Protein backbone atom coordinates (compact mmCIF):
# COMPACT_ATOMS: atom_id res chain seq x y z
CA MET A 1 2.62 -47.79 40.08
CA THR A 2 1.67 -47.42 43.70
CA GLY A 3 2.07 -51.14 44.35
CA SER A 4 -0.04 -52.42 47.21
CA VAL A 5 -1.38 -48.99 48.19
CA PRO A 6 -4.83 -48.74 46.59
CA THR A 7 -5.65 -45.43 44.95
CA VAL A 8 -8.79 -46.62 43.16
CA THR A 9 -11.54 -48.24 45.19
CA LEU A 10 -13.93 -50.64 43.49
CA ARG A 11 -17.49 -50.79 44.82
CA ARG A 12 -20.67 -52.45 43.68
CA ASP A 13 -23.23 -50.03 42.36
CA ASP A 14 -25.74 -49.74 39.53
CA GLY A 15 -23.92 -46.70 38.22
CA THR A 16 -21.51 -46.41 35.34
CA LEU A 17 -17.82 -45.91 34.94
CA ALA A 18 -18.34 -42.20 34.27
CA GLY A 19 -16.98 -39.96 36.99
CA VAL A 20 -13.83 -41.93 37.75
CA CYS A 21 -10.63 -39.98 38.39
CA SER A 22 -10.56 -36.32 37.37
CA ALA A 23 -12.58 -33.66 35.60
CA GLU A 24 -10.81 -34.17 32.26
CA LEU A 25 -11.96 -37.79 32.20
CA ASP A 26 -13.74 -37.66 28.84
CA SER A 27 -10.69 -36.36 26.96
CA ARG A 28 -8.48 -38.89 28.76
CA LEU A 29 -10.84 -41.68 27.74
CA ALA A 30 -10.74 -40.59 24.08
CA GLU A 31 -6.93 -40.41 24.16
CA ALA A 32 -6.74 -43.86 25.76
CA PHE A 33 -9.07 -45.27 23.11
CA ALA A 34 -6.74 -44.02 20.38
CA ARG A 35 -3.83 -45.79 22.09
CA VAL A 36 -5.55 -49.18 22.44
CA GLY A 37 -6.65 -49.36 18.81
CA ASP A 38 -3.68 -51.37 17.59
CA ARG A 39 -4.01 -53.76 20.51
CA TRP A 40 -7.68 -54.43 19.74
CA ARG A 41 -6.95 -54.94 16.04
CA GLU A 42 -4.19 -57.42 16.89
CA ARG A 43 -6.54 -59.34 19.15
CA ALA A 44 -9.22 -59.30 16.46
CA HIS A 45 -6.77 -60.72 13.96
CA ASP A 46 -6.02 -63.63 16.33
CA TRP A 47 -9.67 -64.24 17.19
CA ASN A 48 -10.57 -64.76 13.56
CA ALA A 49 -8.64 -68.01 13.54
CA ASP A 50 -11.75 -69.40 15.28
CA GLU A 51 -14.60 -70.25 12.93
CA SER A 52 -17.34 -68.71 15.07
CA ALA A 53 -15.62 -65.29 15.33
CA ILE A 54 -17.23 -64.17 12.09
CA LEU A 55 -20.59 -64.14 13.91
CA ALA A 56 -19.61 -61.30 16.25
CA HIS A 57 -18.52 -57.67 16.02
CA THR A 58 -15.80 -57.71 18.67
CA PRO A 59 -13.52 -59.91 16.48
CA SER A 60 -13.96 -57.34 13.70
CA ALA A 61 -12.72 -54.51 15.97
CA ALA A 62 -15.93 -52.65 15.19
CA PRO A 63 -16.31 -49.86 17.78
CA ASN A 64 -19.77 -48.91 16.53
CA ASN A 65 -21.06 -52.36 17.49
CA SER A 66 -18.81 -53.49 20.35
CA ASP A 67 -17.61 -51.67 23.47
CA PHE A 68 -14.56 -53.93 23.91
CA GLY A 69 -12.25 -51.11 22.84
CA ALA A 70 -13.97 -48.71 25.20
CA MET A 71 -13.36 -51.13 28.06
CA LEU A 72 -9.68 -51.38 27.10
CA ALA A 73 -9.58 -47.58 27.17
CA TRP A 74 -11.21 -47.50 30.62
CA THR A 75 -8.52 -49.90 31.78
CA GLU A 76 -5.86 -47.46 30.62
CA VAL A 77 -7.62 -44.58 32.39
CA VAL A 78 -7.78 -46.50 35.67
CA ARG A 79 -4.11 -47.40 35.38
CA GLU A 80 -3.32 -43.71 34.86
CA CYS A 81 -5.25 -42.91 38.03
CA VAL A 82 -3.10 -45.39 39.93
CA GLU A 83 0.12 -44.04 38.44
CA ARG A 84 -0.82 -40.45 39.31
CA GLY A 85 -1.89 -41.41 42.82
CA GLU A 86 -5.41 -40.07 42.26
CA GLN A 87 -7.94 -41.19 44.84
CA ALA A 88 -11.11 -42.33 43.08
CA THR A 89 -14.01 -44.72 43.45
CA LEU A 90 -15.00 -47.01 40.60
CA ARG A 91 -18.66 -47.99 40.94
CA ILE A 92 -19.85 -50.84 38.74
CA ASP A 93 -22.21 -53.77 39.15
CA ASP A 94 -21.17 -55.58 35.98
CA PRO A 95 -19.69 -58.88 37.24
CA TRP A 96 -17.18 -59.21 34.39
CA LEU A 97 -15.93 -55.64 34.68
CA PHE A 98 -15.75 -55.89 38.47
CA ARG A 99 -13.46 -58.92 38.20
CA HIS A 100 -11.40 -57.28 35.46
CA PHE A 101 -10.73 -54.06 37.36
CA ALA A 102 -10.24 -55.83 40.68
CA ALA A 103 -7.28 -57.66 39.14
CA LEU A 104 -5.46 -54.40 38.31
CA SER A 105 -2.58 -53.35 40.51
CA GLY A 106 -3.50 -50.51 42.86
CA VAL A 107 -7.24 -51.20 42.72
CA HIS A 108 -8.92 -52.25 45.96
CA ALA A 109 -12.21 -54.18 45.82
CA ALA A 110 -14.16 -52.89 48.81
CA ASP A 111 -17.19 -55.14 48.42
CA PRO A 112 -17.85 -58.79 47.61
CA VAL A 113 -17.61 -59.68 43.94
CA PRO A 114 -20.99 -59.50 42.13
CA PRO A 115 -22.36 -62.97 41.30
CA LEU A 116 -21.66 -64.07 37.74
CA ILE A 117 -23.67 -67.22 37.13
CA THR A 118 -27.05 -65.46 37.31
CA ARG A 119 -26.09 -62.94 34.63
CA VAL A 120 -24.62 -65.70 32.44
CA LEU A 121 -27.84 -67.71 32.64
CA ILE A 122 -30.08 -64.70 31.99
CA LEU A 123 -28.07 -63.51 29.00
CA GLY A 124 -27.77 -67.03 27.65
CA MET A 125 -31.53 -67.57 27.83
CA ARG A 126 -32.23 -64.19 26.28
CA GLY A 127 -29.83 -65.00 23.46
CA TRP A 128 -31.53 -68.32 22.79
CA VAL A 129 -34.96 -66.67 22.62
CA THR A 130 -33.82 -63.81 20.37
CA ARG A 131 -32.07 -66.21 17.99
CA CYS A 132 -35.21 -68.34 17.78
CA VAL A 133 -37.24 -65.23 16.98
CA ALA A 134 -34.64 -64.22 14.38
CA ALA A 135 -34.77 -67.70 12.84
CA VAL A 136 -38.54 -67.51 12.39
CA ARG A 137 -38.29 -63.98 11.00
CA CYS A 138 -35.61 -65.00 8.50
CA ALA A 139 -37.55 -68.08 7.40
CA TRP A 140 -40.62 -65.94 6.82
CA ALA A 141 -38.58 -63.36 4.91
CA ALA A 142 -37.25 -66.12 2.66
CA PHE A 143 -40.82 -67.10 1.75
CA THR A 144 -42.17 -63.60 1.23
CA THR A 145 -39.31 -62.12 -0.80
CA ARG A 146 -38.63 -65.04 -3.12
CA ARG A 147 -38.96 -64.07 -6.80
CA GLY A 148 -38.27 -65.67 -10.10
CA PRO A 149 -34.59 -66.02 -10.99
CA LEU A 150 -33.03 -62.71 -11.95
CA LYS A 151 -30.67 -62.39 -14.86
CA THR A 152 -27.34 -63.94 -13.96
CA GLY A 153 -23.90 -62.74 -14.88
CA ALA A 154 -24.69 -59.05 -14.37
CA PRO A 155 -22.69 -56.62 -12.22
CA THR A 156 -24.51 -56.20 -8.91
CA LEU A 157 -24.65 -53.76 -6.02
CA LEU A 158 -25.01 -55.38 -2.60
CA VAL A 159 -26.49 -52.67 -0.38
CA TYR A 160 -28.22 -52.06 2.93
CA GLY A 161 -31.93 -51.28 3.06
CA HIS A 162 -31.67 -47.50 3.31
CA PRO A 163 -35.00 -45.62 3.30
CA ALA A 164 -33.61 -43.08 0.82
CA SER A 165 -33.17 -45.76 -1.88
CA THR A 166 -35.95 -45.74 -4.49
CA ALA A 167 -37.52 -48.11 -6.98
CA ASP A 168 -36.40 -46.01 -9.95
CA GLY A 169 -32.83 -47.29 -9.47
CA ARG A 170 -31.47 -44.50 -7.30
CA ASP A 171 -29.57 -45.74 -4.29
CA ALA A 172 -28.61 -44.07 -1.02
CA TYR A 173 -25.08 -45.50 -1.25
CA PHE A 174 -24.42 -45.45 -5.00
CA GLY A 175 -26.45 -42.50 -6.21
CA ASP A 176 -27.68 -42.78 -9.82
CA LEU A 177 -25.23 -45.50 -10.85
CA MET A 178 -28.07 -47.88 -11.79
CA VAL A 179 -29.67 -45.16 -13.91
CA ARG A 180 -26.41 -44.57 -15.78
CA PHE A 181 -25.67 -48.26 -16.24
CA PRO A 182 -28.90 -50.21 -16.96
CA ARG A 183 -27.12 -53.58 -16.77
CA LEU A 184 -26.38 -52.97 -13.12
CA ARG A 185 -28.51 -54.88 -10.63
CA ARG A 186 -29.13 -54.41 -6.90
CA VAL A 187 -29.42 -57.01 -4.14
CA LEU A 188 -30.48 -55.99 -0.64
CA HIS A 189 -28.57 -57.07 2.45
CA VAL A 190 -30.62 -59.09 4.94
CA ASP A 191 -30.87 -56.06 7.21
CA ALA A 192 -33.61 -54.92 4.80
CA ARG A 193 -36.86 -56.37 6.11
CA PRO A 194 -39.39 -57.74 3.60
CA ALA A 195 -41.34 -54.45 3.64
CA ALA A 196 -38.24 -52.59 2.45
CA ALA A 197 -37.64 -55.18 -0.25
CA HIS A 198 -41.24 -55.00 -1.44
CA ARG A 199 -40.99 -51.21 -1.63
CA LEU A 200 -38.14 -51.57 -4.13
CA HIS A 201 -39.49 -54.58 -6.02
CA ASP A 202 -41.13 -52.31 -8.59
CA ASP A 203 -37.62 -52.13 -9.99
CA PRO A 204 -37.17 -55.48 -11.78
CA ARG A 205 -33.42 -55.18 -11.24
CA THR A 206 -33.71 -55.19 -7.44
CA ASP A 207 -33.79 -58.39 -5.43
CA SER A 208 -33.51 -59.36 -1.75
CA LEU A 209 -30.89 -61.73 -0.38
CA HIS A 210 -33.60 -63.15 1.88
CA GLY A 211 -35.18 -64.76 -1.16
CA TRP A 212 -32.04 -66.81 -1.83
CA GLY A 213 -32.01 -68.37 1.63
CA SER A 214 -33.40 -71.72 2.77
CA PRO A 215 -36.21 -71.45 5.37
CA LEU A 216 -35.22 -74.90 6.64
CA TYR A 217 -31.66 -73.68 7.27
CA ALA A 218 -33.02 -70.68 9.16
CA LEU A 219 -35.17 -72.78 11.48
CA MET A 220 -32.73 -75.63 12.04
CA ARG A 221 -29.44 -73.74 12.28
CA LEU A 222 -29.84 -70.13 13.39
CA PRO A 223 -31.01 -70.72 16.99
CA PHE A 224 -27.70 -72.44 17.78
CA VAL A 225 -25.14 -70.03 16.32
CA ARG A 226 -23.06 -67.62 18.42
CA TRP A 227 -19.48 -66.56 18.99
CA ARG A 228 -17.62 -69.07 21.17
CA PRO A 229 -14.09 -67.85 21.96
CA SER A 230 -11.60 -70.68 22.34
CA PRO A 231 -10.14 -71.48 25.78
CA ARG A 232 -6.94 -69.76 24.65
CA GLU A 233 -8.79 -66.56 23.80
CA ARG A 234 -10.72 -66.67 27.07
CA GLY A 235 -7.45 -66.47 29.02
CA GLY A 236 -4.88 -63.72 29.45
CA SER A 237 -5.06 -60.30 31.05
CA ASP A 238 -8.21 -59.36 29.13
CA ARG A 239 -10.01 -62.63 29.83
CA TRP A 240 -12.94 -61.03 31.67
CA LEU A 241 -13.44 -58.48 28.89
CA VAL A 242 -13.43 -61.24 26.25
CA ARG A 243 -15.92 -63.31 28.23
CA ARG A 244 -18.11 -60.25 28.75
CA ALA A 245 -18.07 -59.40 25.04
CA ALA A 246 -19.02 -62.96 24.11
CA ALA A 247 -21.83 -63.01 26.68
CA PHE A 248 -23.26 -59.65 25.62
CA GLU A 249 -23.09 -60.40 21.90
CA GLY A 250 -24.51 -63.85 22.54
CA ALA A 251 -27.51 -62.28 24.31
CA THR A 252 -28.78 -60.79 21.05
CA GLY A 253 -29.96 -62.16 17.74
CA GLN A 254 -27.07 -60.64 15.79
CA ALA A 255 -25.17 -63.93 15.38
CA ALA A 256 -28.27 -65.41 13.74
CA GLU A 257 -28.59 -62.37 11.46
CA ILE A 258 -24.93 -62.58 10.44
CA ALA A 259 -25.14 -66.34 9.85
CA TRP A 260 -28.22 -65.76 7.70
CA GLN A 261 -26.39 -63.12 5.67
CA LEU A 262 -23.48 -65.54 5.14
CA HIS A 263 -25.86 -68.31 4.07
CA CYS A 264 -27.90 -66.15 1.69
CA GLN A 265 -24.95 -64.39 0.05
CA SER A 266 -23.16 -67.70 -0.53
CA ARG A 267 -26.20 -69.23 -2.24
CA TRP A 268 -26.69 -66.05 -4.27
CA LEU A 269 -23.05 -65.91 -5.41
CA ARG A 270 -23.08 -69.52 -6.55
CA ALA A 271 -26.45 -69.35 -8.29
CA ALA A 272 -26.43 -65.85 -9.83
CA ARG A 273 -22.71 -65.68 -10.65
CA PRO A 274 -22.61 -61.86 -10.96
CA SER A 275 -19.89 -60.48 -13.21
CA ALA A 276 -18.81 -58.21 -10.31
CA VAL A 277 -19.99 -57.42 -6.78
CA ILE A 278 -19.84 -53.85 -5.46
CA TRP A 279 -20.81 -52.88 -1.91
CA PRO A 280 -20.23 -50.19 0.78
CA TRP A 281 -17.04 -51.58 2.31
CA GLU A 282 -16.50 -51.45 6.09
CA ASN A 283 -14.62 -54.74 6.68
CA HIS A 284 -17.29 -56.53 8.72
CA GLY A 285 -17.02 -60.30 9.00
CA TRP A 286 -19.66 -61.01 6.38
CA GLU A 287 -17.75 -58.76 3.96
CA ARG A 288 -14.53 -60.70 4.45
CA ALA A 289 -16.40 -63.95 3.79
CA LEU A 290 -17.99 -62.42 0.68
CA THR A 291 -14.59 -61.35 -0.66
CA ARG A 292 -13.01 -64.74 -0.10
CA GLU A 293 -15.88 -66.72 -1.62
CA ALA A 294 -16.22 -64.40 -4.63
CA ARG A 295 -12.50 -64.72 -5.28
CA SER A 296 -12.74 -68.52 -5.13
CA LEU A 297 -15.48 -68.33 -7.78
CA GLY A 298 -13.55 -65.91 -9.99
CA ILE A 299 -15.98 -63.04 -9.33
CA PRO A 300 -14.34 -59.58 -9.13
CA THR A 301 -15.06 -57.52 -6.02
CA ILE A 302 -15.13 -53.74 -5.56
CA GLY A 303 -15.45 -52.35 -2.04
CA HIS A 304 -16.57 -48.72 -2.15
CA GLN A 305 -15.26 -46.88 0.91
CA HIS A 306 -18.24 -46.49 3.26
CA SER A 307 -16.61 -45.11 6.41
CA VAL A 308 -16.25 -41.78 4.76
CA ILE A 309 -13.57 -39.96 6.73
CA GLY A 310 -12.01 -39.92 10.18
CA GLN A 311 -10.83 -42.92 12.17
CA GLN A 312 -11.40 -45.89 9.88
CA PHE A 313 -10.85 -47.90 12.99
CA ASN A 314 -11.43 -51.51 12.07
CA ILE A 315 -9.90 -51.54 8.59
CA GLY A 316 -6.53 -52.64 9.94
CA ALA A 317 -7.91 -55.83 11.48
CA ILE A 318 -7.77 -57.80 8.23
CA ASP A 319 -5.80 -60.33 6.21
CA SER A 320 -4.76 -59.42 2.70
CA ASP A 321 -6.98 -62.12 1.21
CA ALA A 322 -10.04 -60.37 2.71
CA ILE A 323 -9.38 -57.05 0.96
CA PRO A 324 -11.57 -56.55 -2.13
CA ASP A 325 -9.85 -56.70 -5.51
CA ILE A 326 -10.40 -52.95 -5.81
CA VAL A 327 -11.03 -50.51 -2.97
CA ALA A 328 -12.80 -47.47 -4.43
CA ALA A 329 -11.88 -44.51 -2.22
CA ASN A 330 -14.07 -41.43 -1.90
CA GLY A 331 -11.19 -39.04 -2.30
CA PRO A 332 -7.56 -38.24 -1.48
CA SER A 333 -8.13 -38.09 2.27
CA GLY A 334 -9.78 -41.51 2.32
CA ARG A 335 -7.06 -42.99 0.13
CA ASP A 336 -4.33 -41.78 2.46
CA GLN A 337 -6.12 -43.17 5.51
CA LEU A 338 -6.62 -46.55 3.85
CA ILE A 339 -2.91 -46.73 3.05
CA ARG A 340 -2.12 -45.94 6.68
CA ARG A 341 -4.40 -48.85 7.61
CA ALA A 342 -2.20 -51.20 5.55
CA VAL A 343 -4.49 -51.48 2.52
CA PRO A 344 -2.12 -52.03 -0.44
CA ALA A 345 -1.87 -48.83 -2.46
CA GLU A 346 -2.04 -50.78 -5.73
CA ARG A 347 -5.58 -51.92 -4.88
CA ILE A 348 -6.90 -48.42 -4.14
CA VAL A 349 -8.55 -46.33 -6.83
CA VAL A 350 -9.91 -42.85 -6.12
CA ALA A 351 -13.32 -43.38 -7.71
CA GLY A 352 -14.97 -40.36 -6.08
CA THR A 353 -18.00 -40.11 -3.87
CA LEU A 354 -21.43 -41.22 -5.02
CA ARG A 355 -23.19 -40.37 -1.74
CA PHE A 356 -22.18 -36.73 -1.35
CA LYS A 357 -22.30 -33.79 -3.71
CA PRO A 358 -21.03 -30.26 -3.30
CA ALA A 359 -24.03 -28.36 -2.02
CA LYS A 360 -24.66 -24.97 -0.52
CA GLY A 361 -25.70 -25.39 3.07
CA PRO A 362 -28.13 -23.25 5.03
CA ALA A 363 -27.28 -19.66 5.82
CA HIS A 364 -25.49 -18.84 9.04
CA ASP A 365 -27.82 -16.93 11.37
CA PRO A 366 -26.52 -16.16 14.89
CA SER A 367 -30.14 -16.01 16.06
CA GLY A 368 -31.22 -19.18 14.26
CA PRO A 369 -31.69 -22.69 15.64
CA VAL A 370 -28.94 -25.08 16.68
CA PHE A 371 -29.00 -28.06 14.30
CA VAL A 372 -28.13 -31.31 16.09
CA ALA A 373 -27.11 -34.37 14.07
CA VAL A 374 -27.32 -37.34 16.43
CA PRO A 375 -25.60 -40.69 15.68
CA PHE A 376 -27.04 -44.19 15.51
CA ASP A 377 -25.90 -44.78 19.12
CA ARG A 378 -29.06 -43.98 21.06
CA ALA A 379 -27.17 -43.53 24.34
CA VAL A 380 -24.97 -40.84 22.82
CA ALA A 381 -28.01 -39.28 21.13
CA ALA A 382 -29.79 -39.13 24.49
CA GLN A 383 -26.78 -37.41 26.10
CA MET A 384 -26.76 -34.79 23.34
CA ILE A 385 -30.45 -34.05 23.68
CA GLU A 386 -30.35 -33.77 27.46
CA ALA A 387 -27.26 -31.56 27.32
CA LEU A 388 -29.11 -29.16 25.02
CA ARG A 389 -32.37 -29.11 26.95
CA PRO A 390 -31.22 -26.23 29.24
CA LEU A 391 -30.28 -24.27 26.12
CA SER A 392 -33.77 -24.78 24.71
CA GLU A 393 -35.34 -23.76 28.03
CA ARG A 394 -33.59 -20.41 27.68
CA GLY A 395 -35.51 -19.87 24.44
CA ILE A 396 -32.87 -20.96 21.91
CA GLU A 397 -34.37 -23.24 19.28
CA VAL A 398 -32.83 -26.70 18.97
CA ARG A 399 -33.60 -29.00 16.05
CA ILE A 400 -32.78 -32.72 16.38
CA ARG A 401 -31.99 -34.68 13.23
CA ASP A 402 -32.29 -38.44 13.68
CA HIS A 403 -29.99 -41.00 12.15
CA PRO A 404 -32.08 -42.31 9.20
CA LEU A 405 -31.91 -45.93 10.36
CA PHE A 406 -31.95 -45.47 14.15
CA PRO A 407 -34.45 -42.82 15.33
CA VAL A 408 -34.31 -41.74 18.97
CA GLU A 409 -37.29 -41.00 21.20
CA PHE A 410 -37.31 -37.83 23.30
CA LYS A 411 -39.76 -35.39 24.85
CA GLU A 412 -40.29 -32.49 22.48
CA SER A 413 -41.08 -28.89 23.39
CA PRO A 414 -41.72 -25.71 21.38
CA THR A 415 -37.98 -24.98 21.36
CA LEU A 416 -36.67 -28.58 21.29
CA ARG A 417 -38.07 -30.69 18.48
CA ARG A 418 -37.18 -32.79 15.48
CA ALA A 419 -35.74 -31.15 12.40
CA ASP A 420 -38.04 -31.09 9.39
CA GLY A 421 -35.37 -32.44 7.07
CA PRO A 422 -31.62 -32.79 6.60
CA LEU A 423 -29.14 -29.98 7.06
CA GLN A 424 -29.40 -28.87 3.43
CA ALA A 425 -33.16 -28.39 3.82
CA GLN A 426 -32.79 -25.83 6.62
CA ALA A 427 -33.11 -22.14 5.79
CA SER A 428 -30.57 -21.05 8.41
CA VAL A 429 -28.81 -22.33 11.51
CA ARG A 430 -26.90 -20.82 14.40
CA ALA A 431 -24.44 -23.75 14.61
CA VAL A 432 -24.25 -27.49 14.03
CA LEU A 433 -23.57 -30.03 16.79
CA TYR A 434 -22.67 -33.57 15.73
CA ALA A 435 -21.26 -36.85 17.00
CA ALA A 436 -20.01 -39.72 14.82
CA THR A 437 -21.89 -38.64 11.71
CA THR A 438 -20.75 -37.09 8.43
CA VAL A 439 -23.26 -34.27 8.87
CA GLY A 440 -20.55 -32.51 10.87
CA LEU A 441 -18.21 -32.71 7.90
CA GLU A 442 -20.93 -31.48 5.52
CA ALA A 443 -21.56 -28.50 7.80
CA LEU A 444 -17.87 -27.67 7.94
CA LEU A 445 -17.60 -27.81 4.15
CA ALA A 446 -20.61 -25.47 3.99
CA GLY A 447 -18.77 -22.91 6.12
CA LEU A 448 -21.00 -23.20 9.20
CA PRO A 449 -19.90 -23.07 12.86
CA VAL A 450 -19.49 -26.71 13.92
CA VAL A 451 -18.98 -28.34 17.32
CA ARG A 452 -18.18 -32.00 17.95
CA PHE A 453 -19.96 -33.58 20.92
CA VAL A 454 -17.77 -35.79 23.14
CA PRO A 455 -20.05 -38.09 25.16
CA ARG A 456 -19.51 -38.96 28.78
CA GLY A 457 -18.17 -42.44 29.40
CA ARG A 458 -18.61 -43.53 25.77
CA ILE A 459 -16.69 -43.45 22.50
CA ALA A 460 -17.94 -41.56 19.44
CA LEU A 461 -15.52 -41.80 16.52
CA ASP A 462 -14.68 -38.53 14.82
CA VAL A 463 -15.47 -38.10 11.11
CA MET A 464 -13.11 -35.21 10.45
CA PRO A 465 -10.09 -35.85 8.20
CA ASP A 466 -7.77 -34.10 10.67
CA ALA A 467 -7.86 -33.40 14.39
CA GLY A 468 -8.47 -29.89 15.65
CA LEU A 469 -10.64 -28.69 12.78
CA VAL A 470 -13.63 -28.08 15.08
CA PRO A 471 -13.96 -27.52 18.84
CA ASP A 472 -15.04 -30.35 21.15
CA ALA A 473 -17.75 -30.06 23.80
CA GLY A 474 -18.96 -32.41 26.51
CA PRO A 475 -22.33 -32.55 28.29
CA ASP A 476 -21.28 -29.90 30.83
CA ASP A 477 -20.00 -27.23 28.46
CA VAL A 478 -21.84 -27.78 25.20
CA ASP A 479 -23.96 -24.62 25.53
CA ARG A 480 -20.89 -22.47 26.30
CA VAL A 481 -18.91 -23.90 23.34
CA LEU A 482 -21.86 -23.48 20.98
CA GLU A 483 -22.23 -19.84 21.97
CA ARG A 484 -18.54 -19.22 21.23
CA ALA A 485 -18.40 -21.24 18.01
CA GLY A 486 -17.26 -18.91 15.28
CA THR A 487 -15.89 -19.08 11.77
CA PRO A 488 -14.75 -22.65 11.13
CA ALA A 489 -11.42 -23.77 9.77
CA GLU A 490 -11.25 -23.61 5.97
CA LEU A 491 -11.65 -27.01 4.36
CA ARG A 492 -12.05 -27.49 0.63
CA TRP A 493 -14.30 -30.14 -0.85
CA SER A 494 -11.48 -31.35 -3.09
CA ASP A 495 -9.26 -31.95 -0.03
CA VAL A 496 -11.71 -34.58 1.15
CA PHE A 497 -13.80 -35.86 -1.75
CA ALA A 498 -13.31 -36.43 -5.44
CA THR A 499 -15.99 -36.13 -8.10
CA PRO A 500 -17.30 -39.47 -9.35
CA ASP A 501 -15.09 -41.14 -11.92
CA PHE A 502 -17.77 -42.63 -14.15
CA GLU A 503 -15.17 -43.88 -16.60
CA PHE A 504 -13.88 -46.10 -13.79
CA TRP A 505 -17.38 -47.47 -13.24
CA ARG A 506 -17.95 -47.90 -16.97
CA ARG A 507 -14.85 -50.06 -17.29
CA HIS A 508 -16.04 -52.37 -14.52
CA LEU A 509 -19.82 -52.34 -15.11
CA ASP A 510 -20.12 -52.34 -18.91
């Protein structure tokens, strides 16, 4: 450390943290994020002693929904700058982050501290309004999706409202399992709006969790719920980051949505008494509550591995009583990663993948379009599109494939436009660019040139089973890396996925 000699200057600005320190910042940020993972998971484990923690994503160590880990990584990067004696300016107007970084040794705050109370009041009011809106929406959904009682005691899939799911029993997460096993039923998570539920109601085996909820509970309870870290959790070296996370999560309606999910699934479990519950397992708070309550009722639980490959980041932030009775892994790679995340090996069964099938991808054409699979994170998606715009202006066709649940808006041109279908529907591609989506893995398995996009100032988890399988590219060099992308590393389907073990499902569903 440089002690009292400041090497990083902190100034107020409406900019971002990007640009601090040196040119290799993005790779340093990703490396720092990997180092702080255990620390975040340990904190998450402690936070969950508080009852309200289940209503937030930060206490679940969920990097797709919370930037707490990214802020821990930024802290490590700034400390590295100090240790190396690098002169840099950190420009940020966020009052919590300003206070957090100003407290680090070797950081000099050149300007007055940004006022905090105004932001707290604004975010608090916004949170109150959005939770009230969510309460009304949930109450209305309870009225409009309520149906007659479905058959009780049947094995049931609890799934998200994916647009690829159909009323003939086919499901985006579980394939044709309902077709193979007619006793199997499907209940939609509350993220599925009434329109999505009504689209699938032609299937008499499909129901919506909304219909099991109490409208009175929604209106009387949901406006008041949010994550409230205890005074102990609001102290310590990360106190400003914890307070910031609570304020930002409290400014949305997500706590109301999570509370509604908890309420509806509890009433459904107790009334329907399914013989087993199966769902895409990611270890969110509502899933841990589901596992515990089902176990108390004697209902078996099967969590089918949803985070397909790569850094299954938040799985380690759990207690053993929150792990499903059986964790159905997609394949050998997923099984090994789950074991490394402290999931007991005796609970893991390689049941195979129901979402992905071996398929021949498009042909490789060096003069074809660049296929771009953007993630659900709209900020990262926007970076990818803007980084490729110069490439498209040089006449190279670029096709943007939206995340199915989170489309991104952008200005199209003759050479930069939306793809007319998934990767498998393309006739040919020059290369595939991806970030935090399994499309990159599918392209690699299809033998196509693949490049992973590393965003500036943000974290995008990798989906590859091993590091170094594909080249990385940031906003400044993505066109150069794409032009040089050649024959990818050989990766066999069987190294990653296993074929579905329908005998396993028969034993638990019939």
